[in-house]
Amino acid sequence: MPAKPTHVLQDQGQIDAIGKRLKRAHGQLAAVIRMLEEGRNCDEIVTQMSAVSKAVNTAAFSLLSTSLRECIVDDKNNSKAVQEKLQKLFLSLA
């Protein structure tokens, strides 16, 4: 049985940037939970939830776009299969 096509991000700068964005989203999500527990108004909570969602989606798009770039540049075995898999993941976010 052939191995599943996979890709592990290699660009350390992008890894750091994505990690930083996700840590920020993690903090924002904790703030949303506090706001909900404190009985803050719906508008404020939804605004913060929207910011969390945007941060997570941006991190995911960055991860996938960098992975696609690396896959195309590296041109390793299974790169076509990996590209197709990454494109499907990309479209799942759209």
N, C-alpha and C. Protein backbone atom coordinates (compact mmCIF):
# COMPACT_ATOMS: atom_id res chain seq x y z
N MET A 1 0.85 -1.18 0.00
CA MET A 1 0.00 0.00 0.00
C MET A 1 0.90 1.25 0.00
N PRO A 2 0.71 2.16 -0.97
CA PRO A 2 1.55 3.36 -1.02
C PRO A 2 1.27 4.29 0.16
N ALA A 3 2.31 4.99 0.57
CA ALA A 3 2.17 5.92 1.69
C ALA A 3 1.26 7.08 1.28
N LYS A 4 0.52 7.60 2.26
CA LYS A 4 -0.34 8.76 2.02
C LYS A 4 0.55 9.97 1.74
N PRO A 5 0.14 10.80 0.79
CA PRO A 5 0.93 12.01 0.53
C PRO A 5 0.82 12.98 1.70
N THR A 6 1.96 13.43 2.18
CA THR A 6 1.97 14.38 3.28
C THR A 6 3.04 15.43 3.04
N HIS A 7 2.95 16.49 3.80
CA HIS A 7 3.97 17.53 3.75
C HIS A 7 4.13 18.10 5.15
N VAL A 8 5.37 18.29 5.56
CA VAL A 8 5.67 18.93 6.83
C VAL A 8 6.33 20.27 6.51
N LEU A 9 5.76 21.34 7.04
CA LEU A 9 6.27 22.68 6.78
C LEU A 9 7.72 22.79 7.22
N GLN A 10 8.56 23.36 6.35
CA GLN A 10 9.99 23.49 6.61
C GLN A 10 10.42 24.93 6.92
N ASP A 11 9.67 25.91 6.45
CA ASP A 11 10.03 27.33 6.58
C ASP A 11 9.88 27.77 8.04
N GLN A 12 11.01 27.86 8.74
CA GLN A 12 10.96 28.18 10.17
C GLN A 12 10.36 29.56 10.43
N GLY A 13 10.59 30.49 9.54
CA GLY A 13 10.00 31.82 9.70
C GLY A 13 8.48 31.76 9.66
N GLN A 14 7.94 30.96 8.74
CA GLN A 14 6.49 30.80 8.65
C GLN A 14 5.95 30.01 9.83
N ILE A 15 6.70 28.99 10.27
CA ILE A 15 6.28 28.23 11.44
C ILE A 15 6.14 29.16 12.64
N ASP A 16 7.15 30.03 12.83
CA ASP A 16 7.12 30.97 13.95
C ASP A 16 5.95 31.95 13.82
N ALA A 17 5.74 32.48 12.60
CA ALA A 17 4.66 33.44 12.38
C ALA A 17 3.29 32.81 12.61
N ILE A 18 3.10 31.59 12.12
CA ILE A 18 1.83 30.90 12.29
C ILE A 18 1.62 30.58 13.77
N GLY A 19 2.67 30.12 14.44
CA GLY A 19 2.57 29.84 15.87
C GLY A 19 2.20 31.08 16.66
N LYS A 20 2.81 32.22 16.32
CA LYS A 20 2.52 33.47 17.01
C LYS A 20 1.06 33.87 16.80
N ARG A 21 0.56 33.72 15.57
CA ARG A 21 -0.82 34.06 15.27
C ARG A 21 -1.78 33.17 16.05
N LEU A 22 -1.46 31.88 16.13
CA LEU A 22 -2.33 30.94 16.86
C LEU A 22 -2.29 31.19 18.36
N LYS A 23 -1.15 31.58 18.88
CA LYS A 23 -1.07 31.91 20.31
C LYS A 23 -1.91 33.15 20.61
N ARG A 24 -1.89 34.11 19.69
CA ARG A 24 -2.72 35.31 19.85
C ARG A 24 -4.20 34.92 19.81
N ALA A 25 -4.56 34.04 18.89
CA ALA A 25 -5.95 33.58 18.79
C ALA A 25 -6.34 32.83 20.06
N HIS A 26 -5.42 32.07 20.61
CA HIS A 26 -5.68 31.34 21.85
C HIS A 26 -6.01 32.33 22.98
N GLY A 27 -5.24 33.40 23.07
CA GLY A 27 -5.50 34.44 24.07
C GLY A 27 -6.84 35.13 23.84
N GLN A 28 -7.15 35.39 22.57
CA GLN A 28 -8.43 36.01 22.24
C GLN A 28 -9.59 35.09 22.61
N LEU A 29 -9.43 33.81 22.38
CA LEU A 29 -10.49 32.86 22.72
C LEU A 29 -10.70 32.79 24.23
N ALA A 30 -9.61 32.83 24.98
CA ALA A 30 -9.74 32.85 26.45
C ALA A 30 -10.50 34.11 26.89
N ALA A 31 -10.24 35.23 26.21
CA ALA A 31 -10.95 36.47 26.53
C ALA A 31 -12.44 36.35 26.20
N VAL A 32 -12.76 35.68 25.11
CA VAL A 32 -14.16 35.47 24.75
C VAL A 32 -14.87 34.66 25.83
N ILE A 33 -14.22 33.63 26.32
CA ILE A 33 -14.82 32.79 27.37
C ILE A 33 -15.06 33.62 28.62
N ARG A 34 -14.07 34.45 28.99
CA ARG A 34 -14.24 35.33 30.16
C ARG A 34 -15.40 36.29 29.94
N MET A 35 -15.48 36.87 28.76
CA MET A 35 -16.56 37.81 28.46
C MET A 35 -17.92 37.13 28.60
N LEU A 36 -18.01 35.92 28.11
CA LEU A 36 -19.26 35.17 28.20
C LEU A 36 -19.61 34.89 29.66
N GLU A 37 -18.64 34.47 30.43
CA GLU A 37 -18.86 34.16 31.85
C GLU A 37 -19.20 35.41 32.66
N GLU A 38 -18.66 36.56 32.23
CA GLU A 38 -18.92 37.82 32.93
C GLU A 38 -20.25 38.45 32.52
N GLY A 39 -20.91 37.87 31.54
CA GLY A 39 -22.20 38.41 31.11
C GLY A 39 -22.09 39.64 30.23
N ARG A 40 -21.00 39.75 29.48
CA ARG A 40 -20.83 40.90 28.57
C ARG A 40 -21.87 40.82 27.45
N ASN A 41 -22.04 41.95 26.76
CA ASN A 41 -23.09 41.98 25.75
C ASN A 41 -22.70 41.18 24.50
N CYS A 42 -23.73 40.73 23.84
CA CYS A 42 -23.60 39.84 22.69
C CYS A 42 -22.74 40.46 21.58
N ASP A 43 -22.92 41.73 21.32
CA ASP A 43 -22.17 42.40 20.25
C ASP A 43 -20.66 42.30 20.48
N GLU A 44 -20.24 42.59 21.71
CA GLU A 44 -18.81 42.55 22.03
C GLU A 44 -18.26 41.13 21.89
N ILE A 45 -19.03 40.16 22.37
CA ILE A 45 -18.58 38.76 22.31
C ILE A 45 -18.45 38.29 20.87
N VAL A 46 -19.46 38.57 20.06
CA VAL A 46 -19.43 38.14 18.66
C VAL A 46 -18.29 38.83 17.91
N THR A 47 -18.03 40.09 18.21
CA THR A 47 -16.92 40.80 17.57
C THR A 47 -15.60 40.10 17.88
N GLN A 48 -15.41 39.72 19.13
CA GLN A 48 -14.18 39.02 19.52
C GLN A 48 -14.12 37.62 18.90
N MET A 49 -15.26 36.94 18.83
CA MET A 49 -15.29 35.61 18.21
C MET A 49 -14.93 35.71 16.73
N SER A 50 -15.36 36.76 16.09
CA SER A 50 -15.02 36.98 14.69
C SER A 50 -13.52 37.17 14.53
N ALA A 51 -12.91 37.90 15.45
CA ALA A 51 -11.46 38.12 15.40
C ALA A 51 -10.71 36.80 15.58
N VAL A 52 -11.18 35.96 16.49
CA VAL A 52 -10.56 34.64 16.71
C VAL A 52 -10.66 33.81 15.43
N SER A 53 -11.85 33.79 14.86
CA SER A 53 -12.07 33.01 13.64
C SER A 53 -11.16 33.48 12.51
N LYS A 54 -11.04 34.78 12.34
CA LYS A 54 -10.18 35.32 11.28
C LYS A 54 -8.72 34.95 11.53
N ALA A 55 -8.27 35.03 12.77
CA ALA A 55 -6.89 34.70 13.09
C ALA A 55 -6.59 33.23 12.80
N VAL A 56 -7.50 32.34 13.17
CA VAL A 56 -7.30 30.91 12.93
C VAL A 56 -7.32 30.62 11.43
N ASN A 57 -8.27 31.19 10.71
CA ASN A 57 -8.34 30.97 9.26
C ASN A 57 -7.11 31.52 8.56
N THR A 58 -6.63 32.67 8.97
CA THR A 58 -5.42 33.24 8.36
C THR A 58 -4.23 32.33 8.60
N ALA A 59 -4.11 31.79 9.80
CA ALA A 59 -3.03 30.85 10.11
C ALA A 59 -3.13 29.61 9.21
N ALA A 60 -4.33 29.10 9.04
CA ALA A 60 -4.52 27.91 8.20
C ALA A 60 -4.17 28.21 6.74
N PHE A 61 -4.61 29.35 6.22
CA PHE A 61 -4.27 29.72 4.85
C PHE A 61 -2.76 29.90 4.69
N SER A 62 -2.12 30.50 5.67
CA SER A 62 -0.67 30.69 5.61
C SER A 62 0.05 29.34 5.60
N LEU A 63 -0.40 28.43 6.45
CA LEU A 63 0.19 27.10 6.50
C LEU A 63 0.06 26.40 5.16
N LEU A 64 -1.13 26.43 4.59
CA LEU A 64 -1.36 25.74 3.33
C LEU A 64 -0.63 26.40 2.16
N SER A 65 -0.64 27.72 2.09
CA SER A 65 0.01 28.38 0.96
C SER A 65 1.53 28.17 1.02
N THR A 66 2.10 28.20 2.21
CA THR A 66 3.53 27.95 2.34
C THR A 66 3.84 26.50 2.00
N SER A 67 3.00 25.59 2.44
CA SER A 67 3.19 24.17 2.13
C SER A 67 3.11 23.92 0.62
N LEU A 68 2.15 24.55 -0.04
CA LEU A 68 2.04 24.41 -1.49
C LEU A 68 3.29 24.93 -2.19
N ARG A 69 3.77 26.08 -1.75
CA ARG A 69 4.98 26.66 -2.34
C ARG A 69 6.17 25.71 -2.15
N GLU A 70 6.33 25.21 -0.94
CA GLU A 70 7.44 24.30 -0.67
C GLU A 70 7.32 23.03 -1.50
N CYS A 71 6.12 22.52 -1.62
CA CYS A 71 5.89 21.30 -2.36
C CYS A 71 6.25 21.47 -3.84
N ILE A 72 5.86 22.59 -4.40
CA ILE A 72 6.14 22.86 -5.81
C ILE A 72 7.63 23.09 -6.02
N VAL A 73 8.26 23.85 -5.13
CA VAL A 73 9.69 24.15 -5.25
C VAL A 73 10.53 22.90 -5.02
N ASP A 74 10.17 22.11 -3.99
CA ASP A 74 10.94 20.91 -3.65
C ASP A 74 10.83 19.84 -4.74
N ASP A 75 9.66 19.74 -5.37
CA ASP A 75 9.41 18.77 -6.43
C ASP A 75 9.89 17.37 -6.02
N LYS A 76 9.48 16.95 -4.84
CA LYS A 76 9.85 15.63 -4.33
C LYS A 76 8.88 14.56 -4.85
N ASN A 77 9.19 13.30 -4.55
CA ASN A 77 8.29 12.20 -4.89
C ASN A 77 6.92 12.49 -4.29
N ASN A 78 5.90 12.10 -5.00
CA ASN A 78 4.51 12.32 -4.58
C ASN A 78 4.13 13.79 -4.53
N SER A 79 4.96 14.69 -5.06
CA SER A 79 4.63 16.11 -4.95
C SER A 79 3.30 16.44 -5.60
N LYS A 80 2.97 15.78 -6.70
CA LYS A 80 1.68 16.04 -7.35
C LYS A 80 0.54 15.61 -6.43
N ALA A 81 0.67 14.45 -5.81
CA ALA A 81 -0.37 13.97 -4.89
C ALA A 81 -0.47 14.88 -3.68
N VAL A 82 0.68 15.35 -3.18
CA VAL A 82 0.68 16.26 -2.03
C VAL A 82 0.03 17.58 -2.42
N GLN A 83 0.35 18.10 -3.60
CA GLN A 83 -0.26 19.34 -4.07
C GLN A 83 -1.78 19.20 -4.13
N GLU A 84 -2.26 18.09 -4.66
CA GLU A 84 -3.69 17.88 -4.76
C GLU A 84 -4.34 17.81 -3.38
N LYS A 85 -3.68 17.13 -2.46
CA LYS A 85 -4.21 17.04 -1.10
C LYS A 85 -4.25 18.42 -0.44
N LEU A 86 -3.18 19.21 -0.59
CA LEU A 86 -3.13 20.54 0.00
C LEU A 86 -4.17 21.46 -0.62
N GLN A 87 -4.38 21.32 -1.92
CA GLN A 87 -5.40 22.14 -2.59
C GLN A 87 -6.78 21.81 -2.05
N LYS A 88 -7.06 20.54 -1.81
CA LYS A 88 -8.34 20.15 -1.23
C LYS A 88 -8.50 20.75 0.16
N LEU A 89 -7.44 20.72 0.95
CA LEU A 89 -7.48 21.33 2.28
C LEU A 89 -7.74 22.83 2.18
N PHE A 90 -7.06 23.48 1.22
CA PHE A 90 -7.22 24.91 1.00
C PHE A 90 -8.68 25.23 0.68
N LEU A 91 -9.27 24.45 -0.21
CA LEU A 91 -10.66 24.68 -0.61
C LEU A 91 -11.62 24.41 0.55
N SER A 92 -11.26 23.53 1.46
CA SER A 92 -12.13 23.26 2.60
C SER A 92 -12.25 24.47 3.51
N LEU A 93 -11.30 25.38 3.45
CA LEU A 93 -11.34 26.60 4.25
C LEU A 93 -12.14 27.71 3.59
N ALA A 94 -12.33 27.61 2.29
CA ALA A 94 -12.99 28.69 1.53
C ALA A 94 -14.49 28.70 1.77
